[in-house]
């Protein structure tokens, strides 16, 4: 008795494959957690500078930090704010140090020293130049799992 493998479907598995489905779900959940962890790391890279890095003046500070933090590689990021406060104070905004606004947004209860860097006209990768605005202001952040992952420009200079 010879069986043709092309036409014999009795041996081929049919229907849902729960093990494959479960594996895909677990993989997706793991990737989501990793990407959220990266979001906090990205927040720190983009917005945290405490104590404030020394530079001859605020314009040079912006040029230096924007380049050091990789915000000028592909394009000159038009605007970025650095917060000069300990990480614990920034994390606290997502808990007792902040007021819930809506969704995952929280306003800080206290003001922070900040430097906002804005790209000058004709800036291009490799030649990004910035002007600086310094201030002391409350900030609004988006939080995920008790950590800031995004800085809103709401109150920034």
Protein backbone atom coordinates (compact mmCIF):
# COMPACT_ATOMS: atom_id res chain seq x y z
CA UNK A 1 0.00 0.00 0.00
CA UNK A 2 1.57 3.22 -1.20
CA UNK A 3 0.47 6.63 0.18
CA UNK A 4 0.88 9.80 -1.83
CA UNK A 5 2.22 12.47 0.61
CA UNK A 6 0.73 15.30 -1.47
CA UNK A 7 -2.85 14.04 -1.31
CA UNK A 8 -2.83 12.29 2.08
CA UNK A 9 -3.97 14.87 4.59
CA UNK A 10 -4.91 12.46 7.36
CA UNK A 11 -1.49 12.78 8.99
CA UNK A 12 -1.14 16.59 8.67
CA UNK A 13 -2.03 18.49 11.87
CA UNK A 14 -5.11 20.69 11.59
CA UNK A 15 -6.77 23.31 13.75
CA UNK A 16 -5.33 25.64 16.37
CA UNK A 17 -1.84 25.17 17.65
CA UNK A 18 -2.00 26.29 21.27
CA UNK A 19 1.70 25.87 21.99
CA UNK A 20 2.70 28.04 19.02
CA UNK A 21 0.09 30.65 19.95
CA UNK A 22 1.26 30.74 23.58
CA UNK A 23 4.88 31.09 22.49
CA UNK A 24 4.01 34.04 20.25
CA UNK A 25 2.04 35.74 23.04
CA UNK A 26 4.90 35.34 25.51
CA UNK A 27 7.40 36.63 22.97
CA UNK A 28 5.26 39.71 22.27
CA UNK A 29 4.87 40.41 26.01
CA UNK A 30 8.61 40.10 26.55
CA UNK A 31 9.38 42.47 23.68
CA UNK A 32 6.86 44.98 25.01
CA UNK A 33 8.56 44.96 28.41
CA UNK A 34 11.98 45.42 26.84
CA UNK A 35 10.78 48.33 24.72
CA UNK A 36 9.21 50.03 27.76
CA UNK A 37 12.47 49.61 29.67
CA UNK A 38 14.22 51.19 26.71
CA UNK A 39 11.75 54.08 26.93
CA UNK A 40 12.94 54.98 30.44
CA UNK A 41 16.55 54.62 29.30
CA UNK A 42 15.75 56.85 26.33
CA UNK A 43 14.14 59.40 28.66
CA UNK A 44 17.32 59.48 30.76
CA UNK A 45 19.53 59.79 27.67
CA UNK A 46 17.43 62.57 26.16
CA UNK A 47 16.48 64.59 29.22
CA UNK A 48 18.56 63.84 32.33
CA UNK A 49 21.74 65.79 33.13
CA UNK A 50 22.52 65.97 36.83
CA UNK A 51 24.75 67.42 37.92
CA UNK A 52 24.73 69.78 34.95
CA UNK A 53 27.62 69.16 32.56
CA UNK A 54 30.18 71.98 32.61
CA UNK A 55 30.57 74.08 29.49
CA UNK A 56 31.95 77.58 28.85
CA UNK A 57 28.42 78.88 28.15
CA UNK A 58 24.88 77.59 27.62
CA UNK A 59 25.16 77.59 23.80
CA UNK A 60 28.24 75.38 23.94
CA UNK A 61 26.50 73.24 26.56
CA UNK A 62 23.67 72.53 24.09
CA UNK A 63 26.02 71.83 21.19
CA UNK A 64 28.05 69.44 23.35
CA UNK A 65 25.20 67.55 25.01
CA UNK A 66 23.03 67.20 21.91
CA UNK A 67 25.98 65.59 20.12
CA UNK A 68 27.07 63.47 23.09
CA UNK A 69 23.57 62.10 23.59
CA UNK A 70 23.25 61.07 19.93
CA UNK A 71 20.54 63.61 19.12
CA UNK A 72 22.36 64.91 16.03
CA UNK A 73 23.28 61.69 14.20
CA UNK A 74 20.50 61.23 11.66
CA UNK A 75 19.10 64.76 11.84
CA UNK A 76 19.46 67.76 14.13
CA UNK A 77 16.78 67.29 16.75
CA UNK A 78 14.96 70.63 16.67
CA UNK A 79 14.25 70.94 20.37
CA UNK A 80 15.31 69.07 23.48
CA UNK A 81 15.22 69.84 27.19
CA UNK A 82 17.69 68.64 29.81
CA UNK A 83 16.58 68.47 33.43
CA UNK A 84 19.16 69.14 36.13
CA UNK A 85 17.86 67.12 39.08
CA UNK A 86 18.62 63.75 40.67
CA UNK A 87 16.99 60.75 38.97
CA UNK A 88 15.03 59.92 42.12
CA UNK A 89 13.27 63.30 41.99
CA UNK A 90 12.27 62.70 38.37
CA UNK A 91 11.00 59.20 39.14
CA UNK A 92 8.99 60.57 42.08
CA UNK A 93 6.84 62.63 39.69
CA UNK A 94 5.16 59.37 38.69
CA UNK A 95 4.20 58.78 42.33
CA UNK A 96 3.98 61.15 45.31
CA UNK A 97 6.06 63.89 43.66
CA UNK A 98 3.49 64.54 40.97
CA UNK A 99 -0.17 65.24 40.31
CA UNK A 100 -2.08 63.02 37.90
CA UNK A 101 -3.37 65.08 34.95
CA UNK A 102 -4.94 62.52 32.61
CA UNK A 103 -4.12 59.13 31.14
CA UNK A 104 -0.46 58.54 32.04
CA UNK A 105 0.52 62.24 32.37
CA UNK A 106 1.75 63.74 35.64
CA UNK A 107 2.73 67.30 36.60
CA UNK A 108 5.63 67.74 38.99
CA UNK A 109 4.83 69.29 42.35
CA UNK A 110 8.16 71.09 42.41
CA UNK A 111 10.08 73.14 39.87
CA UNK A 112 13.29 71.96 38.23
CA UNK A 113 16.26 73.74 36.68
CA UNK A 114 16.17 72.99 32.95
CA UNK A 115 18.04 73.87 29.77
CA UNK A 116 16.09 73.80 26.51
CA UNK A 117 18.18 73.53 23.34
CA UNK A 118 16.75 74.69 20.00
CA UNK A 119 18.42 74.10 16.65
CA UNK A 120 19.59 77.17 14.76
CA UNK A 121 18.51 77.66 11.13
CA UNK A 122 20.66 75.80 8.57
CA UNK A 123 21.75 73.20 11.12
CA UNK A 124 22.43 69.84 9.50
CA UNK A 125 23.86 66.53 10.76
CA UNK A 126 27.54 66.96 11.42
CA UNK A 127 27.00 70.72 11.82
CA UNK A 128 24.12 70.97 14.28
CA UNK A 129 24.20 74.23 16.21
CA UNK A 130 21.91 75.19 19.08
CA UNK A 131 20.79 78.12 21.17
CA UNK A 132 19.89 77.63 24.81
CA UNK A 133 17.13 78.82 27.11
CA UNK A 134 17.53 78.15 30.82
CA UNK A 135 14.78 78.24 33.38
CA UNK A 136 13.25 76.87 36.53
CA UNK A 137 9.86 75.30 35.88
CA UNK A 138 7.48 72.52 36.72
CA UNK A 139 7.47 69.69 34.20
CA UNK A 140 4.92 67.25 32.81
CA UNK A 141 5.94 63.67 32.10
CA UNK A 142 4.28 60.54 30.77
CA UNK A 143 4.83 57.57 33.08
CA UNK A 144 4.92 53.83 32.54
CA UNK A 145 5.31 51.37 35.41
CA UNK A 146 6.23 54.18 37.78
CA UNK A 147 8.97 55.66 35.59
CA UNK A 148 9.02 58.74 33.33
CA UNK A 149 9.20 57.80 29.66
CA UNK A 150 8.34 61.10 27.91
CA UNK A 151 8.74 64.81 28.63
CA UNK A 152 5.89 67.08 27.53
CA UNK A 153 6.92 70.58 26.38
CA UNK A 154 4.01 72.13 28.33
CA UNK A 155 5.89 74.41 30.75
CA UNK A 156 9.34 74.50 29.19
CA UNK A 157 11.26 77.68 28.30
